[in-house]
Amino acid sequence: MDKELEQFQADLLKSVGEMKRGRAGRITRVEPTPAALARAKVGLSQSAFAALLGVSTRTLQDWEQGRRQPTGAAQTLLRVAEMHPQALRDLQAT
């Protein structure tokens, strides 16, 4: 058998053994953005929360994924949503 293929098989078996023992090769932790935390506290879908804030769903997704940062009034609305989620739920009901 080809030496490179043998090494590949040995590495693969070693990896499977490590997985079975619960050892992870890499651990990735994702910290939610303030926009994602605010939406979670209000308990709305992305589209409903974006409509409530008066922004597009794409803009909200960019904020939640950290591609863009909200500015001005949007930052204030997100802080209100996080600190007083019921206030935004009340607005949605009207």
N, C-alpha and C. Protein backbone atom coordinates (compact mmCIF):
# COMPACT_ATOMS: atom_id res chain seq x y z
N MET A 1 0.84 -1.18 0.00
CA MET A 1 0.00 0.00 0.00
C MET A 1 0.89 1.25 0.00
N ASP A 2 0.42 2.29 -0.58
CA ASP A 2 1.13 3.56 -0.66
C ASP A 2 1.38 4.11 0.75
N LYS A 3 2.57 4.60 1.02
CA LYS A 3 2.95 5.10 2.34
C LYS A 3 2.07 6.28 2.77
N GLU A 4 1.72 7.14 1.84
CA GLU A 4 0.86 8.29 2.14
C GLU A 4 -0.53 7.83 2.56
N LEU A 5 -1.06 6.82 1.88
CA LEU A 5 -2.37 6.28 2.22
C LEU A 5 -2.33 5.62 3.60
N GLU A 6 -1.28 4.92 3.91
CA GLU A 6 -1.14 4.29 5.22
C GLU A 6 -1.12 5.35 6.33
N GLN A 7 -0.42 6.45 6.10
CA GLN A 7 -0.37 7.53 7.09
C GLN A 7 -1.74 8.15 7.28
N PHE A 8 -2.45 8.32 6.16
CA PHE A 8 -3.80 8.87 6.22
C PHE A 8 -4.71 7.97 7.05
N GLN A 9 -4.65 6.68 6.81
CA GLN A 9 -5.48 5.73 7.57
C GLN A 9 -5.12 5.75 9.05
N ALA A 10 -3.85 5.82 9.36
CA ALA A 10 -3.41 5.85 10.76
C ALA A 10 -3.92 7.12 11.44
N ASP A 11 -3.82 8.25 10.75
CA ASP A 11 -4.30 9.51 11.30
C ASP A 11 -5.81 9.48 11.50
N LEU A 12 -6.51 8.90 10.55
CA LEU A 12 -7.95 8.80 10.64
C LEU A 12 -8.37 7.93 11.83
N LEU A 13 -7.73 6.79 12.00
CA LEU A 13 -8.04 5.92 13.14
C LEU A 13 -7.74 6.62 14.47
N LYS A 14 -6.64 7.36 14.51
CA LYS A 14 -6.29 8.11 15.72
C LYS A 14 -7.38 9.15 16.03
N SER A 15 -7.85 9.85 15.02
CA SER A 15 -8.89 10.86 15.20
C SER A 15 -10.19 10.24 15.71
N VAL A 16 -10.56 9.09 15.14
CA VAL A 16 -11.77 8.41 15.58
C VAL A 16 -11.64 7.99 17.05
N GLY A 17 -10.48 7.49 17.41
CA GLY A 17 -10.25 7.11 18.80
C GLY A 17 -10.37 8.29 19.75
N GLU A 18 -9.84 9.44 19.35
CA GLU A 18 -9.93 10.65 20.18
C GLU A 18 -11.38 11.11 20.31
N MET A 19 -12.14 11.02 19.24
CA MET A 19 -13.55 11.40 19.30
C MET A 19 -14.31 10.50 20.26
N LYS A 20 -14.03 9.20 20.20
CA LYS A 20 -14.72 8.25 21.09
C LYS A 20 -14.39 8.52 22.55
N ARG A 21 -13.18 9.02 22.83
CA ARG A 21 -12.79 9.34 24.20
C ARG A 21 -13.28 10.72 24.62
N GLY A 22 -13.96 11.42 23.71
CA GLY A 22 -14.51 12.73 24.05
C GLY A 22 -13.52 13.87 23.94
N ARG A 23 -12.41 13.65 23.29
CA ARG A 23 -11.42 14.71 23.12
C ARG A 23 -11.70 15.45 21.82
N ALA A 24 -11.80 16.75 21.92
CA ALA A 24 -12.06 17.55 20.73
C ALA A 24 -10.76 18.17 20.23
N GLY A 25 -10.59 18.19 18.95
CA GLY A 25 -9.41 18.79 18.36
C GLY A 25 -9.46 20.31 18.41
N ARG A 26 -10.67 20.83 18.39
CA ARG A 26 -10.83 22.28 18.39
C ARG A 26 -12.18 22.60 19.01
N ILE A 27 -12.21 23.61 19.83
CA ILE A 27 -13.45 24.07 20.43
C ILE A 27 -13.66 25.51 19.99
N THR A 28 -14.83 25.76 19.41
CA THR A 28 -15.15 27.10 18.95
C THR A 28 -16.29 27.64 19.79
N ARG A 29 -16.07 28.82 20.34
CA ARG A 29 -17.11 29.48 21.12
C ARG A 29 -17.54 30.74 20.38
N VAL A 30 -18.83 30.91 20.24
CA VAL A 30 -19.36 32.08 19.56
C VAL A 30 -20.11 32.91 20.59
N GLU A 31 -19.69 34.16 20.72
CA GLU A 31 -20.37 35.07 21.63
C GLU A 31 -21.46 35.80 20.86
N PRO A 32 -22.69 35.76 21.36
CA PRO A 32 -23.76 36.46 20.65
C PRO A 32 -23.55 37.97 20.71
N THR A 33 -23.95 38.64 19.65
CA THR A 33 -23.83 40.09 19.58
C THR A 33 -24.96 40.73 20.39
N PRO A 34 -24.83 42.01 20.72
CA PRO A 34 -25.92 42.70 21.44
C PRO A 34 -27.24 42.62 20.68
N ALA A 35 -27.20 42.70 19.35
CA ALA A 35 -28.44 42.61 18.57
C ALA A 35 -29.09 41.24 18.73
N ALA A 36 -28.29 40.19 18.71
CA ALA A 36 -28.84 38.84 18.87
C ALA A 36 -29.39 38.64 20.28
N LEU A 37 -28.70 39.17 21.29
CA LEU A 37 -29.18 39.07 22.67
C LEU A 37 -30.50 39.82 22.84
N ALA A 38 -30.58 41.00 22.25
CA ALA A 38 -31.80 41.81 22.37
C ALA A 38 -32.97 41.08 21.72
N ARG A 39 -32.76 40.54 20.54
CA ARG A 39 -33.85 39.82 19.85
C ARG A 39 -34.29 38.60 20.64
N ALA A 40 -33.32 37.90 21.23
CA ALA A 40 -33.65 36.71 22.02
C ALA A 40 -34.49 37.09 23.24
N LYS A 41 -34.15 38.22 23.87
CA LYS A 41 -34.92 38.64 25.04
C LYS A 41 -36.35 39.02 24.67
N VAL A 42 -36.52 39.63 23.51
CA VAL A 42 -37.86 40.00 23.08
C VAL A 42 -38.63 38.77 22.60
N GLY A 43 -37.91 37.80 22.06
CA GLY A 43 -38.53 36.53 21.66
C GLY A 43 -39.22 36.58 20.31
N LEU A 44 -38.65 37.33 19.38
CA LEU A 44 -39.26 37.43 18.05
C LEU A 44 -38.34 36.82 17.00
N SER A 45 -38.93 36.50 15.86
CA SER A 45 -38.14 36.03 14.72
C SER A 45 -37.34 37.22 14.19
N GLN A 46 -36.36 36.92 13.36
CA GLN A 46 -35.57 38.00 12.77
C GLN A 46 -36.45 38.96 11.98
N SER A 47 -37.33 38.43 11.19
CA SER A 47 -38.15 39.31 10.35
C SER A 47 -39.09 40.17 11.19
N ALA A 48 -39.69 39.61 12.22
CA ALA A 48 -40.60 40.38 13.07
C ALA A 48 -39.84 41.44 13.86
N PHE A 49 -38.67 41.08 14.39
CA PHE A 49 -37.88 42.04 15.16
C PHE A 49 -37.36 43.16 14.26
N ALA A 50 -36.92 42.82 13.06
CA ALA A 50 -36.45 43.84 12.11
C ALA A 50 -37.57 44.80 11.77
N ALA A 51 -38.77 44.28 11.52
CA ALA A 51 -39.91 45.14 11.19
C ALA A 51 -40.23 46.06 12.36
N LEU A 52 -40.16 45.55 13.56
CA LEU A 52 -40.43 46.35 14.75
C LEU A 52 -39.42 47.48 14.91
N LEU A 53 -38.16 47.21 14.55
CA LEU A 53 -37.13 48.23 14.65
C LEU A 53 -37.12 49.17 13.45
N GLY A 54 -37.81 48.80 12.38
CA GLY A 54 -37.85 49.62 11.18
C GLY A 54 -36.63 49.47 10.29
N VAL A 55 -36.03 48.27 10.33
CA VAL A 55 -34.87 47.99 9.47
C VAL A 55 -35.17 46.73 8.66
N SER A 56 -34.36 46.49 7.64
CA SER A 56 -34.55 45.29 6.84
C SER A 56 -34.04 44.06 7.61
N THR A 57 -34.57 42.92 7.25
CA THR A 57 -34.11 41.68 7.87
C THR A 57 -32.63 41.49 7.61
N ARG A 58 -32.17 41.85 6.42
CA ARG A 58 -30.75 41.71 6.07
C ARG A 58 -29.87 42.57 6.98
N THR A 59 -30.33 43.79 7.28
CA THR A 59 -29.57 44.67 8.18
C THR A 59 -29.47 44.03 9.56
N LEU A 60 -30.58 43.51 10.07
CA LEU A 60 -30.56 42.85 11.37
C LEU A 60 -29.62 41.65 11.36
N GLN A 61 -29.64 40.87 10.29
CA GLN A 61 -28.73 39.73 10.18
C GLN A 61 -27.28 40.18 10.20
N ASP A 62 -26.99 41.28 9.52
CA ASP A 62 -25.62 41.81 9.53
C ASP A 62 -25.21 42.21 10.95
N TRP A 63 -26.11 42.82 11.69
CA TRP A 63 -25.82 43.19 13.08
C TRP A 63 -25.58 41.95 13.93
N GLU A 64 -26.46 40.97 13.78
CA GLU A 64 -26.37 39.76 14.60
C GLU A 64 -25.11 38.95 14.30
N GLN A 65 -24.65 38.99 13.07
CA GLN A 65 -23.47 38.22 12.68
C GLN A 65 -22.19 39.03 12.78
N GLY A 66 -22.30 40.27 13.25
CA GLY A 66 -21.13 41.09 13.48
C GLY A 66 -20.50 41.69 12.24
N ARG A 67 -21.21 41.63 11.12
CA ARG A 67 -20.67 42.22 9.88
C ARG A 67 -20.80 43.73 9.88
N ARG A 68 -21.82 44.24 10.57
CA ARG A 68 -22.04 45.68 10.69
C ARG A 68 -22.45 45.99 12.12
N GLN A 69 -22.28 47.24 12.51
CA GLN A 69 -22.66 47.68 13.84
C GLN A 69 -23.81 48.67 13.73
N PRO A 70 -24.83 48.51 14.56
CA PRO A 70 -25.92 49.49 14.55
C PRO A 70 -25.41 50.85 15.05
N THR A 71 -26.01 51.90 14.55
CA THR A 71 -25.61 53.23 14.98
C THR A 71 -26.81 54.01 15.46
N GLY A 72 -26.54 55.09 16.16
CA GLY A 72 -27.56 56.05 16.56
C GLY A 72 -28.76 55.45 17.26
N ALA A 73 -29.93 55.76 16.70
CA ALA A 73 -31.19 55.35 17.31
C ALA A 73 -31.31 53.83 17.39
N ALA A 74 -30.73 53.13 16.44
CA ALA A 74 -30.80 51.66 16.45
C ALA A 74 -30.11 51.10 17.68
N GLN A 75 -28.98 51.66 18.07
CA GLN A 75 -28.29 51.21 19.29
C GLN A 75 -29.18 51.42 20.51
N THR A 76 -29.84 52.56 20.56
CA THR A 76 -30.72 52.86 21.69
C THR A 76 -31.89 51.88 21.72
N LEU A 77 -32.50 51.62 20.57
CA LEU A 77 -33.61 50.66 20.53
C LEU A 77 -33.17 49.27 20.97
N LEU A 78 -31.97 48.87 20.58
CA LEU A 78 -31.47 47.55 20.99
C LEU A 78 -31.23 47.50 22.49
N ARG A 79 -30.74 48.59 23.07
CA ARG A 79 -30.56 48.63 24.53
C ARG A 79 -31.91 48.55 25.24
N VAL A 80 -32.90 49.27 24.72
CA VAL A 80 -34.25 49.20 25.31
C VAL A 80 -34.78 47.78 25.20
N ALA A 81 -34.59 47.16 24.05
CA ALA A 81 -35.06 45.79 23.85
C ALA A 81 -34.41 44.83 24.84
N GLU A 82 -33.13 45.03 25.10
CA GLU A 82 -32.43 44.14 26.02
C GLU A 82 -32.83 44.40 27.48
N MET A 83 -32.97 45.66 27.83
CA MET A 83 -33.26 46.00 29.23
C MET A 83 -34.75 45.92 29.56
N HIS A 84 -35.61 46.18 28.58
CA HIS A 84 -37.05 46.19 28.80
C HIS A 84 -37.76 45.50 27.64
N PRO A 85 -37.58 44.19 27.49
CA PRO A 85 -38.15 43.48 26.34
C PRO A 85 -39.67 43.61 26.25
N GLN A 86 -40.33 43.74 27.38
CA GLN A 86 -41.79 43.86 27.36
C GLN A 86 -42.23 45.12 26.63
N ALA A 87 -41.43 46.18 26.71
CA ALA A 87 -41.78 47.42 26.01
C ALA A 87 -41.87 47.18 24.51
N LEU A 88 -40.96 46.42 23.95
CA LEU A 88 -41.04 46.14 22.52
C LEU A 88 -42.15 45.16 22.19
N ARG A 89 -42.40 44.21 23.09
CA ARG A 89 -43.53 43.30 22.86
C ARG A 89 -44.85 44.08 22.87
N ASP A 90 -44.94 45.08 23.75
CA ASP A 90 -46.14 45.92 23.80
C ASP A 90 -46.30 46.70 22.50
N LEU A 91 -45.19 47.20 21.95
CA LEU A 91 -45.27 47.93 20.67
C LEU A 91 -45.74 47.02 19.54
N GLN A 92 -45.31 45.78 19.59
CA GLN A 92 -45.68 44.83 18.53
C GLN A 92 -47.20 44.58 18.58
N ALA A 93 -47.78 44.59 19.76
CA ALA A 93 -49.19 44.30 19.92
C ALA A 93 -50.09 45.41 19.36
N THR A 94 -49.52 46.62 19.23
CA THR A 94 -50.36 47.72 18.76
C THR A 94 -50.39 47.83 17.27
